[in-house]
Amino acid sequence: MTSKEKSWKEISPAGVCWKASTQFLTGDWKTYKPVRDLEKCTRCLLCVLFCPDGAIHWKPEKGDIEFDYNFCKGCGICANECPAKAIEMKLE
């Protein structure tokens, strides 16, 4: 008998995830996604620091940030903490 790994959707309410967060794509949880206005963004990196899911990364080779929508849960903390108001939460 082969065992198929369950997705997060198959975990019972209040169940505990059995994988590390880096191995478990959680991006499909979101209703809203952060969209950055490149003109307004000052690259202060506060969004990177405040993201509770580590879904925003500084890419030094590009001199810019990058959203990883595979892990972003759409909480909006990045948009709330952005001093330049360069991040807007939009419906997925």
PDB file of N, CA and C in Angstrom:
ATOM      1  N   MET A   1       0.836  -1.171   0.000  1.00  0.00           N
ATOM      2  CA  MET A   1       0.000   0.000   0.000  1.00  0.00           C
ATOM      3  C   MET A   1       0.887   1.243   0.000  1.00  0.00           C
ATOM      4  N   THR A   2       0.597   2.178  -0.876  1.00  0.00           N
ATOM      5  CA  THR A   2       1.371   3.406  -0.939  1.00  0.00           C
ATOM      6  C   THR A   2       0.667   4.500  -0.147  1.00  0.00           C
ATOM      7  N   SER A   3       1.451   5.309   0.523  1.00  0.00           N
ATOM      8  CA  SER A   3       0.860   6.407   1.294  1.00  0.00           C
ATOM      9  C   SER A   3       1.103   7.713   0.561  1.00  0.00           C
ATOM     10  N   LYS A   4       0.052   8.484   0.421  1.00  0.00           N
ATOM     11  CA  LYS A   4       0.127   9.780  -0.233  1.00  0.00           C
ATOM     12  C   LYS A   4       0.155  10.853   0.856  1.00  0.00           C
ATOM     13  N   GLU A   5       1.091  11.799   0.740  1.00  0.00           N
ATOM     14  CA  GLU A   5       1.154  12.873   1.724  1.00  0.00           C
ATOM     15  C   GLU A   5      -0.080  13.747   1.617  1.00  0.00           C
ATOM     16  N   LYS A   6      -0.601  14.139   2.751  1.00  0.00           N
ATOM     17  CA  LYS A   6      -1.766  15.013   2.786  1.00  0.00           C
ATOM     18  C   LYS A   6      -1.338  16.464   2.574  1.00  0.00           C
ATOM     19  N   SER A   7      -2.223  17.251   2.007  1.00  0.00           N
ATOM     20  CA  SER A   7      -1.966  18.685   1.893  1.00  0.00           C
ATOM     21  C   SER A   7      -2.513  19.360   3.140  1.00  0.00           C
ATOM     22  N   TRP A   8      -2.242  20.645   3.300  1.00  0.00           N
ATOM     23  CA  TRP A   8      -2.739  21.365   4.475  1.00  0.00           C
ATOM     24  C   TRP A   8      -4.262  21.371   4.514  1.00  0.00           C
ATOM     25  N   LYS A   9      -4.907  21.246   3.353  1.00  0.00           N
ATOM     26  CA  LYS A   9      -6.364  21.266   3.289  1.00  0.00           C
ATOM     27  C   LYS A   9      -6.991  20.017   3.916  1.00  0.00           C
ATOM     28  N   GLU A  10      -6.199  18.976   4.043  1.00  0.00           N
ATOM     29  CA  GLU A  10      -6.709  17.715   4.587  1.00  0.00           C
ATOM     30  C   GLU A  10      -6.439  17.545   6.082  1.00  0.00           C
ATOM     31  N   ILE A  11      -5.755  18.528   6.688  1.00  0.00           N
ATOM     32  CA  ILE A  11      -5.497  18.475   8.124  1.00  0.00           C
ATOM     33  C   ILE A  11      -6.783  18.859   8.845  1.00  0.00           C
ATOM     34  N   SER A  12      -7.140  18.130   9.874  1.00  0.00           N
ATOM     35  CA  SER A  12      -8.357  18.462  10.615  1.00  0.00           C
ATOM     36  C   SER A  12      -8.184  19.791  11.348  1.00  0.00           C
ATOM     37  N   PRO A  13      -9.283  20.492  11.613  1.00  0.00           N
ATOM     38  CA  PRO A  13      -9.207  21.779  12.327  1.00  0.00           C
ATOM     39  C   PRO A  13      -8.400  21.627  13.616  1.00  0.00           C
ATOM     40  N   ALA A  14      -7.559  22.606  13.870  1.00  0.00           N
ATOM     41  CA  ALA A  14      -6.662  22.629  15.027  1.00  0.00           C
ATOM     42  C   ALA A  14      -5.611  21.518  14.961  1.00  0.00           C
ATOM     43  N   GLY A  15      -5.432  20.934  13.785  1.00  0.00           N
ATOM     44  CA  GLY A  15      -4.406  19.915  13.606  1.00  0.00           C
ATOM     45  C   GLY A  15      -3.027  20.540  13.574  1.00  0.00           C
ATOM     46  N   VAL A  16      -2.033  19.744  13.743  1.00  0.00           N
ATOM     47  CA  VAL A  16      -0.659  20.216  13.763  1.00  0.00           C
ATOM     48  C   VAL A  16       0.027  19.805  12.469  1.00  0.00           C
ATOM     49  N   CYS A  17       0.707  20.764  11.853  1.00  0.00           N
ATOM     50  CA  CYS A  17       1.451  20.478  10.629  1.00  0.00           C
ATOM     51  C   CYS A  17       2.680  19.652  10.978  1.00  0.00           C
ATOM     52  N   TRP A  18       2.972  18.673  10.201  1.00  0.00           N
ATOM     53  CA  TRP A  18       4.063  17.744  10.471  1.00  0.00           C
ATOM     54  C   TRP A  18       5.324  18.053   9.679  1.00  0.00           C
ATOM     55  N   LYS A  19       5.337  19.159   8.967  1.00  0.00           N
ATOM     56  CA  LYS A  19       6.503  19.530   8.170  1.00  0.00           C
ATOM     57  C   LYS A  19       7.022  20.900   8.585  1.00  0.00           C
ATOM     58  N   ALA A  20       8.273  21.130   8.291  1.00  0.00           N
ATOM     59  CA  ALA A  20       8.834  22.470   8.489  1.00  0.00           C
ATOM     60  C   ALA A  20       8.182  23.422   7.501  1.00  0.00           C
ATOM     61  N   SER A  21       8.049  24.687   7.871  1.00  0.00           N
ATOM     62  CA  SER A  21       7.354  25.648   7.013  1.00  0.00           C
ATOM     63  C   SER A  21       8.045  25.841   5.665  1.00  0.00           C
ATOM     64  N   THR A  22       9.336  25.596   5.596  1.00  0.00           N
ATOM     65  CA  THR A  22      10.045  25.747   4.324  1.00  0.00           C
ATOM     66  C   THR A  22       9.756  24.612   3.353  1.00  0.00           C
ATOM     67  N   GLN A  23       9.185  23.517   3.846  1.00  0.00           N
ATOM     68  CA  GLN A  23       8.857  22.375   2.997  1.00  0.00           C
ATOM     69  C   GLN A  23       7.373  22.298   2.673  1.00  0.00           C
ATOM     70  N   PHE A  24       6.607  23.232   3.184  1.00  0.00           N
ATOM     71  CA  PHE A  24       5.156  23.165   3.085  1.00  0.00           C
ATOM     72  C   PHE A  24       4.639  24.458   2.461  1.00  0.00           C
ATOM     73  N   LEU A  25       4.342  24.436   1.178  1.00  0.00           N
ATOM     74  CA  LEU A  25       3.888  25.644   0.491  1.00  0.00           C
ATOM     75  C   LEU A  25       2.551  26.090   1.067  1.00  0.00           C
ATOM     76  N   THR A  26       2.525  27.313   1.547  1.00  0.00           N
ATOM     77  CA  THR A  26       1.326  27.836   2.205  1.00  0.00           C
ATOM     78  C   THR A  26       0.721  29.014   1.442  1.00  0.00           C
ATOM     79  N   GLY A  27       1.247  29.311   0.284  1.00  0.00           N
ATOM     80  CA  GLY A  27       0.803  30.460  -0.483  1.00  0.00           C
ATOM     81  C   GLY A  27      -0.636  30.401  -0.940  1.00  0.00           C
ATOM     82  N   ASP A  28      -1.220  29.208  -1.026  1.00  0.00           N
ATOM     83  CA  ASP A  28      -2.608  29.141  -1.487  1.00  0.00           C
ATOM     84  C   ASP A  28      -3.599  29.409  -0.364  1.00  0.00           C
ATOM     85  N   TRP A  29      -3.114  29.815   0.813  1.00  0.00           N
ATOM     86  CA  TRP A  29      -3.988  30.199   1.907  1.00  0.00           C
ATOM     87  C   TRP A  29      -4.548  31.601   1.696  1.00  0.00           C
ATOM     88  N   LYS A  30      -3.844  32.407   0.925  1.00  0.00           N
ATOM     89  CA  LYS A  30      -4.153  33.838   0.889  1.00  0.00           C
ATOM     90  C   LYS A  30      -5.360  34.196   0.029  1.00  0.00           C
ATOM     91  N   THR A  31      -6.029  35.263   0.455  1.00  0.00           N
ATOM     92  CA  THR A  31      -7.101  35.877  -0.318  1.00  0.00           C
ATOM     93  C   THR A  31      -6.562  37.132  -0.993  1.00  0.00           C
ATOM     94  N   TYR A  32      -5.678  37.836  -0.273  1.00  0.00           N
ATOM     95  CA  TYR A  32      -5.043  39.043  -0.801  1.00  0.00           C
ATOM     96  C   TYR A  32      -3.563  38.785  -0.992  1.00  0.00           C
ATOM     97  N   LYS A  33      -2.982  39.482  -1.964  1.00  0.00           N
ATOM     98  CA  LYS A  33      -1.538  39.347  -2.162  1.00  0.00           C
ATOM     99  C   LYS A  33      -0.915  40.736  -2.225  1.00  0.00           C
ATOM    100  N   PRO A  34       0.309  40.868  -1.723  1.00  0.00           N
ATOM    101  CA  PRO A  34       0.971  42.168  -1.755  1.00  0.00           C
ATOM    102  C   PRO A  34       1.500  42.473  -3.157  1.00  0.00           C
ATOM    103  N   VAL A  35       1.240  43.689  -3.589  1.00  0.00           N
ATOM    104  CA  VAL A  35       1.748  44.152  -4.881  1.00  0.00           C
ATOM    105  C   VAL A  35       2.511  45.444  -4.603  1.00  0.00           C
ATOM    106  N   ARG A  36       3.745  45.489  -5.058  1.00  0.00           N
ATOM    107  CA  ARG A  36       4.631  46.616  -4.749  1.00  0.00           C
ATOM    108  C   ARG A  36       4.664  47.614  -5.894  1.00  0.00           C
ATOM    109  N   ASP A  37       4.611  48.890  -5.539  1.00  0.00           N
ATOM    110  CA  ASP A  37       4.768  49.981  -6.502  1.00  0.00           C
ATOM    111  C   ASP A  37       6.260  50.299  -6.558  1.00  0.00           C
ATOM    112  N   LEU A  38       6.908  49.946  -7.651  1.00  0.00           N
ATOM    113  CA  LEU A  38       8.358  50.114  -7.779  1.00  0.00           C
ATOM    114  C   LEU A  38       8.784  51.576  -7.713  1.00  0.00           C
ATOM    115  N   GLU A  39       7.903  52.478  -8.132  1.00  0.00           N
ATOM    116  CA  GLU A  39       8.214  53.911  -8.094  1.00  0.00           C
ATOM    117  C   GLU A  39       8.270  54.434  -6.657  1.00  0.00           C
ATOM    118  N   LYS A  40       7.386  53.951  -5.801  1.00  0.00           N
ATOM    119  CA  LYS A  40       7.317  54.417  -4.413  1.00  0.00           C
ATOM    120  C   LYS A  40       8.322  53.719  -3.501  1.00  0.00           C
ATOM    121  N   CYS A  41       8.684  52.483  -3.821  1.00  0.00           N
ATOM    122  CA  CYS A  41       9.526  51.669  -2.945  1.00  0.00           C
ATOM    123  C   CYS A  41      10.925  52.281  -2.787  1.00  0.00           C
ATOM    124  N   THR A  42      11.346  52.454  -1.529  1.00  0.00           N
ATOM    125  CA  THR A  42      12.677  53.007  -1.235  1.00  0.00           C
ATOM    126  C   THR A  42      13.688  51.911  -0.885  1.00  0.00           C
ATOM    127  N   ARG A  43      13.251  50.664  -0.900  1.00  0.00           N
ATOM    128  CA  ARG A  43      14.070  49.501  -0.562  1.00  0.00           C
ATOM    129  C   ARG A  43      14.652  49.625   0.848  1.00  0.00           C
ATOM    130  N   CYS A  44      13.807  50.065   1.771  1.00  0.00           N
ATOM    131  CA  CYS A  44      14.213  50.203   3.169  1.00  0.00           C
ATOM    132  C   CYS A  44      14.313  48.840   3.862  1.00  0.00           C
ATOM    133  N   LEU A  45      13.706  47.818   3.283  1.00  0.00           N
ATOM    134  CA  LEU A  45      13.735  46.432   3.747  1.00  0.00           C
ATOM    135  C   LEU A  45      12.918  46.160   5.008  1.00  0.00           C
ATOM    136  N   LEU A  46      12.092  47.107   5.425  1.00  0.00           N
ATOM    137  CA  LEU A  46      11.233  46.846   6.582  1.00  0.00           C
ATOM    138  C   LEU A  46      10.263  45.712   6.291  1.00  0.00           C
ATOM    139  N   CYS A  47       9.795  45.599   5.062  1.00  0.00           N
ATOM    140  CA  CYS A  47       8.888  44.507   4.703  1.00  0.00           C
ATOM    141  C   CYS A  47       9.570  43.156   4.901  1.00  0.00           C
ATOM    142  N   VAL A  48      10.846  43.085   4.561  1.00  0.00           N
ATOM    143  CA  VAL A  48      11.609  41.845   4.735  1.00  0.00           C
ATOM    144  C   VAL A  48      11.695  41.494   6.221  1.00  0.00           C
ATOM    145  N   LEU A  49      11.957  42.493   7.043  1.00  0.00           N
ATOM    146  CA  LEU A  49      12.099  42.267   8.483  1.00  0.00           C
ATOM    147  C   LEU A  49      10.783  41.893   9.151  1.00  0.00           C
ATOM    148  N   PHE A  50       9.685  42.501   8.716  1.00  0.00           N
ATOM    149  CA  PHE A  50       8.396  42.284   9.371  1.00  0.00           C
ATOM    150  C   PHE A  50       7.627  41.073   8.865  1.00  0.00           C
ATOM    151  N   CYS A  51       7.961  40.540   7.705  1.00  0.00           N
ATOM    152  CA  CYS A  51       7.208  39.405   7.157  1.00  0.00           C
ATOM    153  C   CYS A  51       7.331  38.195   8.082  1.00  0.00           C
ATOM    154  N   PRO A  52       6.219  37.748   8.676  1.00  0.00           N
ATOM    155  CA  PRO A  52       6.295  36.625   9.609  1.00  0.00           C
ATOM    156  C   PRO A  52       6.548  35.280   8.937  1.00  0.00           C
ATOM    157  N   ASP A  53       6.392  35.225   7.635  1.00  0.00           N
ATOM    158  CA  ASP A  53       6.574  33.964   6.914  1.00  0.00           C
ATOM    159  C   ASP A  53       7.882  33.895   6.136  1.00  0.00           C
ATOM    160  N   GLY A  54       8.686  34.950   6.191  1.00  0.00           N
ATOM    161  CA  GLY A  54       9.938  34.960   5.434  1.00  0.00           C
ATOM    162  C   GLY A  54       9.690  34.866   3.944  1.00  0.00           C
ATOM    163  N   ALA A  55       8.592  35.463   3.492  1.00  0.00           N
ATOM    164  CA  ALA A  55       8.200  35.357   2.088  1.00  0.00           C
ATOM    165  C   ALA A  55       8.701  36.532   1.241  1.00  0.00           C
ATOM    166  N   ILE A  56       9.432  37.448   1.864  1.00  0.00           N
ATOM    167  CA  ILE A  56      10.017  38.565   1.122  1.00  0.00           C
ATOM    168  C   ILE A  56      11.525  38.475   1.307  1.00  0.00           C
ATOM    169  N   HIS A  57      12.242  38.458   0.206  1.00  0.00           N
ATOM    170  CA  HIS A  57      13.690  38.245   0.253  1.00  0.00           C
ATOM    171  C   HIS A  57      14.430  39.409  -0.383  1.00  0.00           C
ATOM    172  N   TRP A  58      15.545  39.787   0.217  1.00  0.00           N
ATOM    173  CA  TRP A  58      16.458  40.761  -0.365  1.00  0.00           C
ATOM    174  C   TRP A  58      17.377  40.012  -1.310  1.00  0.00           C
ATOM    175  N   LYS A  59      17.445  40.473  -2.540  1.00  0.00           N
ATOM    176  CA  LYS A  59      18.313  39.866  -3.556  1.00  0.00           C
ATOM    177  C   LYS A  59      19.453  40.851  -3.847  1.00  0.00           C
ATOM    178  N   PRO A  60      20.607  40.675  -3.187  1.00  0.00           N
ATOM    179  CA  PRO A  60      21.693  41.645  -3.350  1.00  0.00           C
ATOM    180  C   PRO A  60      22.208  41.758  -4.780  1.00  0.00           C
ATOM    181  N   GLU A  61      22.163  40.654  -5.527  1.00  0.00           N
ATOM    182  CA  GLU A  61      22.646  40.705  -6.916  1.00  0.00           C
ATOM    183  C   GLU A  61      21.763  41.586  -7.790  1.00  0.00           C
ATOM    184  N   LYS A  62      20.491  41.742  -7.407  1.00  0.00           N
ATOM    185  CA  LYS A  62      19.558  42.616  -8.136  1.00  0.00           C
ATOM    186  C   LYS A  62      19.428  43.976  -7.466  1.00  0.00           C
ATOM    187  N   GLY A  63      19.853  44.051  -6.193  1.00  0.00           N
ATOM    188  CA  GLY A  63      19.674  45.282  -5.425  1.00  0.00           C
ATOM    189  C   GLY A  63      18.204  45.563  -5.189  1.00  0.00           C
ATOM    190  N   ASP A  64      17.427  44.496  -5.014  1.00  0.00           N
ATOM    191  CA  ASP A  64      15.977  44.636  -4.899  1.00  0.00           C
ATOM    192  C   ASP A  64      15.396  43.506  -4.057  1.00  0.00           C
ATOM    193  N   ILE A  65      14.122  43.655  -3.719  1.00  0.00           N
ATOM    194  CA  ILE A  65      13.423  42.613  -2.972  1.00  0.00           C
ATOM    195  C   ILE A  65      12.582  41.777  -3.924  1.00  0.00           C
ATOM    196  N   GLU A  66      12.178  40.617  -3.414  1.00  0.00           N
ATOM    197  CA  GLU A  66      11.362  39.701  -4.218  1.00  0.00           C
ATOM    198  C   GLU A  66      10.350  39.018  -3.297  1.00  0.00           C
ATOM    199  N   PHE A  67       9.104  38.992  -3.722  1.00  0.00           N
ATOM    200  CA  PHE A  67       8.061  38.295  -2.973  1.00  0.00           C
ATOM    201  C   PHE A  67       8.045  36.833  -3.396  1.00  0.00           C
ATOM    202  N   ASP A  68       7.961  35.935  -2.443  1.00  0.00           N
ATOM    203  CA  ASP A  68       7.815  34.514  -2.732  1.00  0.00           C
ATOM    204  C   ASP A  68       6.364  34.152  -2.436  1.00  0.00           C
ATOM    205  N   TYR A  69       5.536  34.184  -3.459  1.00  0.00           N
ATOM    206  CA  TYR A  69       4.107  33.947  -3.296  1.00  0.00           C
ATOM    207  C   TYR A  69       3.783  32.494  -2.953  1.00  0.00           C
ATOM    208  N   ASN A  70       4.768  31.609  -3.025  1.00  0.00           N
ATOM    209  CA  ASN A  70       4.559  30.219  -2.600  1.00  0.00           C
ATOM    210  C   ASN A  70       4.381  30.121  -1.086  1.00  0.00           C
ATOM    211  N   PHE A  71       4.909  31.119  -0.354  1.00  0.00           N
ATOM    212  CA  PHE A  71       4.841  31.100   1.108  1.00  0.00           C
ATOM    213  C   PHE A  71       4.059  32.264   1.700  1.00  0.00           C
ATOM    214  N   CYS A  72       3.792  33.292   0.921  1.00  0.00           N
ATOM    215  CA  CYS A  72       3.042  34.460   1.411  1.00  0.00           C
ATOM    216  C   CYS A  72       1.610  34.041   1.727  1.00  0.00           C
ATOM    217  N   LYS A  73       1.168  34.364   2.942  1.00  0.00           N
ATOM    218  CA  LYS A  73      -0.198  34.031   3.353  1.00  0.00           C
ATOM    219  C   LYS A  73      -1.147  35.211   3.208  1.00  0.00           C
ATOM    220  N   GLY A  74      -0.647  36.354   2.749  1.00  0.00           N
ATOM    221  CA  GLY A  74      -1.506  37.509   2.507  1.00  0.00           C
ATOM    222  C   GLY A  74      -1.944  38.245   3.755  1.00  0.00           C
ATOM    223  N   CYS A  75      -1.117  38.224   4.798  1.00  0.00           N
ATOM    224  CA  CYS A  75      -1.502  38.837   6.074  1.00  0.00           C
ATOM    225  C   CYS A  75      -1.545  40.363   6.012  1.00  0.00           C
ATOM    226  N   GLY A  76      -0.760  40.977   5.125  1.00  0.00           N
ATOM    227  CA  GLY A  76      -0.773  42.424   4.965  1.00  0.00           C
ATOM    228  C   GLY A  76       0.145  43.188   5.897  1.00  0.00           C
ATOM    229  N   ILE A  77       0.929  42.488   6.697  1.00  0.00           N
ATOM    230  CA  ILE A  77       1.849  43.182   7.605  1.00  0.00           C
ATOM    231  C   ILE A  77       2.849  44.012   6.815  1.00  0.00           C
ATOM    232  N   CYS A  78       3.331  43.493   5.710  1.00  0.00           N
ATOM    233  CA  CYS A  78       4.301  44.233   4.892  1.00  0.00           C
ATOM    234  C   CYS A  78       3.712  45.567   4.422  1.00  0.00           C
ATOM    235  N   ALA A  79       2.465  45.540   3.968  1.00  0.00           N
ATOM    236  CA  ALA A  79       1.802  46.760   3.495  1.00  0.00           C
ATOM    237  C   ALA A  79       1.564  47.724   4.643  1.00  0.00           C
ATOM    238  N   ASN A  80       1.201  47.191   5.793  1.00  0.00           N
ATOM    239  CA  ASN A  80       0.926  48.025   6.962  1.00  0.00           C
ATOM    240  C   ASN A  80       2.193  48.708   7.476  1.00  0.00           C
ATOM    241  N   GLU A  81       3.328  48.028   7.417  1.00  0.00           N
ATOM    242  CA  GLU A  81       4.579  48.552   7.963  1.00  0.00           C
ATOM    243  C   GLU A  81       5.390  49.375   6.968  1.00  0.00           C
ATOM    244  N   CYS A  82       5.023  49.361   5.710  1.00  0.00           N
ATOM    245  CA  CYS A  82       5.788  50.082   4.684  1.00  0.00           C
ATOM    246  C   CYS A  82       5.647  51.601   4.879  1.00  0.00           C
ATOM    247  N   PRO A  83       6.740  52.300   5.227  1.00  0.00           N
ATOM    248  CA  PRO A  83       6.645  53.742   5.466  1.00  0.00           C
ATOM    249  C   PRO A  83       6.347  54.544   4.196  1.00  0.00           C
ATOM    250  N   ALA A  84       6.688  53.987   3.039  1.00  0.00           N
ATOM    251  CA  ALA A  84       6.450  54.686   1.773  1.00  0.00           C
ATOM    252  C   ALA A  84       5.089  54.347   1.169  1.00  0.00           C
ATOM    253  N   LYS A  85       4.343  53.448   1.826  1.00  0.00           N
ATOM    254  CA  LYS A  85       3.039  52.980   1.318  1.00  0.00           C
ATOM    255  C   LYS A  85       3.183  52.454  -0.116  1.00  0.00           C
ATOM    256  N   ALA A  86       4.267  51.702  -0.332  1.00  0.00           N
ATOM    257  CA  ALA A  86       4.567  51.163  -1.656  1.00  0.00           C
ATOM    258  C   ALA A  86       3.978  49.783  -1.885  1.00  0.00           C
ATOM    259  N   ILE A  87       3.361  49.196  -0.860  1.00  0.00           N
ATOM    260  CA  ILE A  87       2.780  47.865  -0.986  1.00  0.00           C
ATOM    261  C   ILE A  87       1.291  47.957  -0.763  1.00  0.00           C
ATOM    262  N   GLU A  88       0.549  47.429  -1.714  1.00  0.00           N
ATOM    263  CA  GLU A  88      -0.908  47.416  -1.630  1.00  0.00           C
ATOM    264  C   GLU A  88      -1.372  45.969  -1.659  1.00  0.00           C
ATOM    265  N   MET A  89      -2.339  45.659  -0.823  1.00  0.00           N
ATOM    266  CA  MET A  89      -2.898  44.310  -0.804  1.00  0.00           C
ATOM    267  C   MET A  89      -4.045  44.256  -1.811  1.00  0.00           C
ATOM    268  N   LYS A  90      -3.922  43.342  -2.757  1.00  0.00           N
ATOM    269  CA  LYS A  90      -4.940  43.196  -3.818  1.00  0.00           C
ATOM    270  C   LYS A  90      -5.531  41.802  -3.760  1.00  0.00           C
ATOM    271  N   LEU A  91      -6.799  41.711  -4.152  1.00  0.00           N
ATOM    272  CA  LEU A  91      -7.447  40.400  -4.202  1.00  0.00           C
ATOM    273  C   LEU A  91      -6.692  39.476  -5.122  1.00  0.00           C
ATOM    274  N   GLU A  92      -6.510  38.252  -4.690  1.00  0.00           N
ATOM    275  CA  GLU A  92      -5.770  37.235  -5.449  1.00  0.00           C
ATOM    276  C   GLU A  92      -6.484  36.939  -6.749  1.00  0.00           C
TER     277      GLU A  92
END
